[in-house]
Amino acid sequence: MYKRIRDLREDHDLTQKEMAKYLNCSQQVYSNYELGQRDIPTDILIKLSKFYNVSVDYILNISSNPRIQK
């Protein structure tokens, strides 16, 4: 999951600082999410899912399909 959020961020040409600002956390906290040094809270997972328009299952690496199932 940690590599996936880094890949999504890089694919959108965003910096950790930009994502941290969107998520209302410090760059260090966001960096810890990407490095797997801190668990990602549910509310942050939901924000990431909405921001990137992918399913939470995709971020969690449960599904390889990024599309949100309806």
N, C-alpha and C. Protein backbone atom coordinates (compact mmCIF):
# COMPACT_ATOMS: atom_id res chain seq x y z
N MET A 1 0.83 -1.19 0.00
CA MET A 1 0.00 0.00 0.00
C MET A 1 0.87 1.25 0.00
N TYR A 2 2.00 1.20 0.69
CA TYR A 2 2.82 2.40 0.81
C TYR A 2 3.44 2.78 -0.54
N LYS A 3 3.89 1.77 -1.27
CA LYS A 3 4.43 2.03 -2.60
C LYS A 3 3.34 2.58 -3.52
N ARG A 4 2.14 2.08 -3.34
CA ARG A 4 1.04 2.51 -4.20
C ARG A 4 0.73 3.99 -4.01
N ILE A 5 0.73 4.49 -2.77
CA ILE A 5 0.43 5.92 -2.60
C ILE A 5 1.58 6.78 -3.14
N ARG A 6 2.79 6.28 -3.04
CA ARG A 6 3.92 7.01 -3.62
C ARG A 6 3.79 7.03 -5.15
N ASP A 7 3.48 5.88 -5.73
CA ASP A 7 3.34 5.81 -7.19
C ASP A 7 2.21 6.72 -7.68
N LEU A 8 1.08 6.72 -6.97
CA LEU A 8 -0.03 7.60 -7.37
C LEU A 8 0.40 9.06 -7.31
N ARG A 9 1.09 9.42 -6.25
CA ARG A 9 1.55 10.82 -6.11
C ARG A 9 2.50 11.18 -7.23
N GLU A 10 3.46 10.32 -7.50
CA GLU A 10 4.44 10.60 -8.56
C GLU A 10 3.79 10.62 -9.94
N ASP A 11 2.82 9.74 -10.17
CA ASP A 11 2.11 9.72 -11.45
C ASP A 11 1.35 11.03 -11.69
N HIS A 12 0.99 11.72 -10.61
CA HIS A 12 0.27 12.99 -10.72
C HIS A 12 1.22 14.19 -10.58
N ASP A 13 2.52 13.91 -10.62
CA ASP A 13 3.55 14.96 -10.53
C ASP A 13 3.36 15.87 -9.33
N LEU A 14 3.12 15.26 -8.18
CA LEU A 14 2.93 16.01 -6.94
C LEU A 14 4.09 15.74 -5.99
N THR A 15 4.36 16.70 -5.14
CA THR A 15 5.39 16.52 -4.12
C THR A 15 4.73 16.02 -2.84
N GLN A 16 5.54 15.50 -1.96
CA GLN A 16 5.02 15.10 -0.64
C GLN A 16 4.44 16.31 0.08
N LYS A 17 5.07 17.44 -0.08
CA LYS A 17 4.60 18.66 0.58
C LYS A 17 3.21 19.05 0.08
N GLU A 18 2.98 18.93 -1.22
CA GLU A 18 1.66 19.25 -1.78
C GLU A 18 0.59 18.30 -1.25
N MET A 19 0.92 17.02 -1.18
CA MET A 19 -0.05 16.05 -0.66
C MET A 19 -0.31 16.28 0.82
N ALA A 20 0.74 16.60 1.55
CA ALA A 20 0.59 16.86 2.98
C ALA A 20 -0.34 18.05 3.20
N LYS A 21 -0.19 19.07 2.40
CA LYS A 21 -1.06 20.24 2.53
C LYS A 21 -2.51 19.85 2.26
N TYR A 22 -2.75 19.08 1.20
CA TYR A 22 -4.11 18.63 0.88
C TYR A 22 -4.70 17.81 2.02
N LEU A 23 -3.87 16.97 2.63
CA LEU A 23 -4.34 16.08 3.70
C LEU A 23 -4.31 16.75 5.08
N ASN A 24 -3.81 17.98 5.11
CA ASN A 24 -3.75 18.74 6.36
C ASN A 24 -2.86 18.05 7.40
N CYS A 25 -1.69 17.64 6.94
CA CYS A 25 -0.69 17.04 7.84
C CYS A 25 0.67 17.58 7.44
N SER A 26 1.68 17.28 8.20
CA SER A 26 3.02 17.74 7.86
C SER A 26 3.62 16.86 6.76
N GLN A 27 4.64 17.40 6.11
CA GLN A 27 5.33 16.63 5.07
C GLN A 27 5.97 15.39 5.69
N GLN A 28 6.47 15.52 6.91
CA GLN A 28 7.11 14.39 7.59
C GLN A 28 6.12 13.27 7.85
N VAL A 29 4.92 13.63 8.30
CA VAL A 29 3.88 12.62 8.54
C VAL A 29 3.54 11.91 7.23
N TYR A 30 3.37 12.70 6.16
CA TYR A 30 3.05 12.08 4.87
C TYR A 30 4.19 11.18 4.41
N SER A 31 5.41 11.62 4.59
CA SER A 31 6.57 10.80 4.23
C SER A 31 6.54 9.48 5.00
N ASN A 32 6.19 9.54 6.26
CA ASN A 32 6.09 8.32 7.07
C ASN A 32 5.01 7.38 6.53
N TYR A 33 3.93 7.92 6.00
CA TYR A 33 2.90 7.07 5.36
C TYR A 33 3.53 6.32 4.19
N GLU A 34 4.24 7.04 3.33
CA GLU A 34 4.83 6.42 2.14
C GLU A 34 5.90 5.40 2.49
N LEU A 35 6.61 5.63 3.57
CA LEU A 35 7.67 4.72 3.98
C LEU A 35 7.16 3.54 4.80
N GLY A 36 5.87 3.57 5.16
CA GLY A 36 5.31 2.50 5.97
C GLY A 36 5.69 2.60 7.43
N GLN A 37 6.16 3.76 7.84
CA GLN A 37 6.57 3.94 9.23
C GLN A 37 5.42 4.42 10.11
N ARG A 38 4.30 4.70 9.48
CA ARG A 38 3.11 5.13 10.21
C ARG A 38 1.90 4.57 9.49
N ASP A 39 0.97 4.02 10.26
CA ASP A 39 -0.27 3.53 9.66
C ASP A 39 -1.08 4.69 9.11
N ILE A 40 -1.73 4.46 8.00
CA ILE A 40 -2.54 5.51 7.38
C ILE A 40 -3.95 5.43 7.97
N PRO A 41 -4.41 6.50 8.62
CA PRO A 41 -5.76 6.49 9.20
C PRO A 41 -6.83 6.35 8.12
N THR A 42 -7.96 5.82 8.52
CA THR A 42 -9.07 5.60 7.58
C THR A 42 -9.48 6.88 6.88
N ASP A 43 -9.57 7.98 7.61
CA ASP A 43 -10.01 9.23 6.97
C ASP A 43 -9.02 9.69 5.91
N ILE A 44 -7.74 9.43 6.11
CA ILE A 44 -6.72 9.77 5.11
C ILE A 44 -6.84 8.86 3.90
N LEU A 45 -7.09 7.58 4.12
CA LEU A 45 -7.30 6.65 3.00
C LEU A 45 -8.47 7.11 2.14
N ILE A 46 -9.54 7.54 2.78
CA ILE A 46 -10.72 8.00 2.04
C ILE A 46 -10.39 9.26 1.24
N LYS A 47 -9.66 10.19 1.85
CA LYS A 47 -9.27 11.42 1.14
C LYS A 47 -8.39 11.09 -0.06
N LEU A 48 -7.45 10.18 0.12
CA LEU A 48 -6.57 9.77 -0.99
C LEU A 48 -7.38 9.13 -2.10
N SER A 49 -8.32 8.28 -1.73
CA SER A 49 -9.17 7.60 -2.70
C SER A 49 -9.96 8.62 -3.53
N LYS A 50 -10.53 9.59 -2.87
CA LYS A 50 -11.31 10.62 -3.57
C LYS A 50 -10.40 11.50 -4.43
N PHE A 51 -9.25 11.87 -3.89
CA PHE A 51 -8.33 12.75 -4.61
C PHE A 51 -7.87 12.10 -5.92
N TYR A 52 -7.46 10.84 -5.84
CA TYR A 52 -6.94 10.14 -7.01
C TYR A 52 -8.04 9.44 -7.83
N ASN A 53 -9.26 9.46 -7.31
CA ASN A 53 -10.39 8.81 -7.98
C ASN A 53 -10.12 7.32 -8.20
N VAL A 54 -9.65 6.69 -7.13
CA VAL A 54 -9.42 5.24 -7.14
C VAL A 54 -10.10 4.65 -5.91
N SER A 55 -10.29 3.35 -5.90
CA SER A 55 -10.91 2.71 -4.76
C SER A 55 -9.93 2.59 -3.60
N VAL A 56 -10.47 2.53 -2.40
CA VAL A 56 -9.64 2.29 -1.22
C VAL A 56 -8.98 0.92 -1.34
N ASP A 57 -9.70 -0.05 -1.90
CA ASP A 57 -9.12 -1.38 -2.12
C ASP A 57 -7.87 -1.31 -2.99
N TYR A 58 -7.87 -0.44 -3.97
CA TYR A 58 -6.70 -0.27 -4.83
C TYR A 58 -5.53 0.29 -4.01
N ILE A 59 -5.80 1.30 -3.20
CA ILE A 59 -4.73 1.88 -2.38
C ILE A 59 -4.19 0.84 -1.40
N LEU A 60 -5.08 0.03 -0.84
CA LEU A 60 -4.66 -0.99 0.12
C LEU A 60 -4.04 -2.21 -0.53
N ASN A 61 -3.98 -2.21 -1.86
CA ASN A 61 -3.39 -3.31 -2.62
C ASN A 61 -4.21 -4.59 -2.53
N ILE A 62 -5.50 -4.44 -2.27
CA ILE A 62 -6.42 -5.58 -2.26
C ILE A 62 -6.87 -5.88 -3.69
N SER A 63 -6.94 -4.84 -4.50
CA SER A 63 -7.37 -4.98 -5.88
C SER A 63 -6.33 -4.34 -6.79
N SER A 64 -6.17 -4.92 -7.96
CA SER A 64 -5.26 -4.32 -8.94
C SER A 64 -6.02 -3.39 -9.89
N ASN A 65 -7.35 -3.35 -9.73
CA ASN A 65 -8.19 -2.49 -10.55
C ASN A 65 -8.42 -1.16 -9.81
N PRO A 66 -7.91 -0.06 -10.35
CA PRO A 66 -8.05 1.21 -9.66
C PRO A 66 -9.47 1.79 -9.69
N ARG A 67 -10.30 1.28 -10.56
CA ARG A 67 -11.63 1.85 -10.72
C ARG A 67 -12.51 1.59 -9.50
N ILE A 68 -13.30 2.58 -9.19
CA ILE A 68 -14.25 2.46 -8.09
C ILE A 68 -15.44 1.65 -8.60
N GLN A 69 -15.76 0.58 -7.89
CA GLN A 69 -16.89 -0.27 -8.27
C GLN A 69 -18.20 0.39 -7.84
N LYS A 70 -19.18 0.37 -8.73
CA LYS A 70 -20.50 0.96 -8.41
C LYS A 70 -21.54 -0.09 -8.41
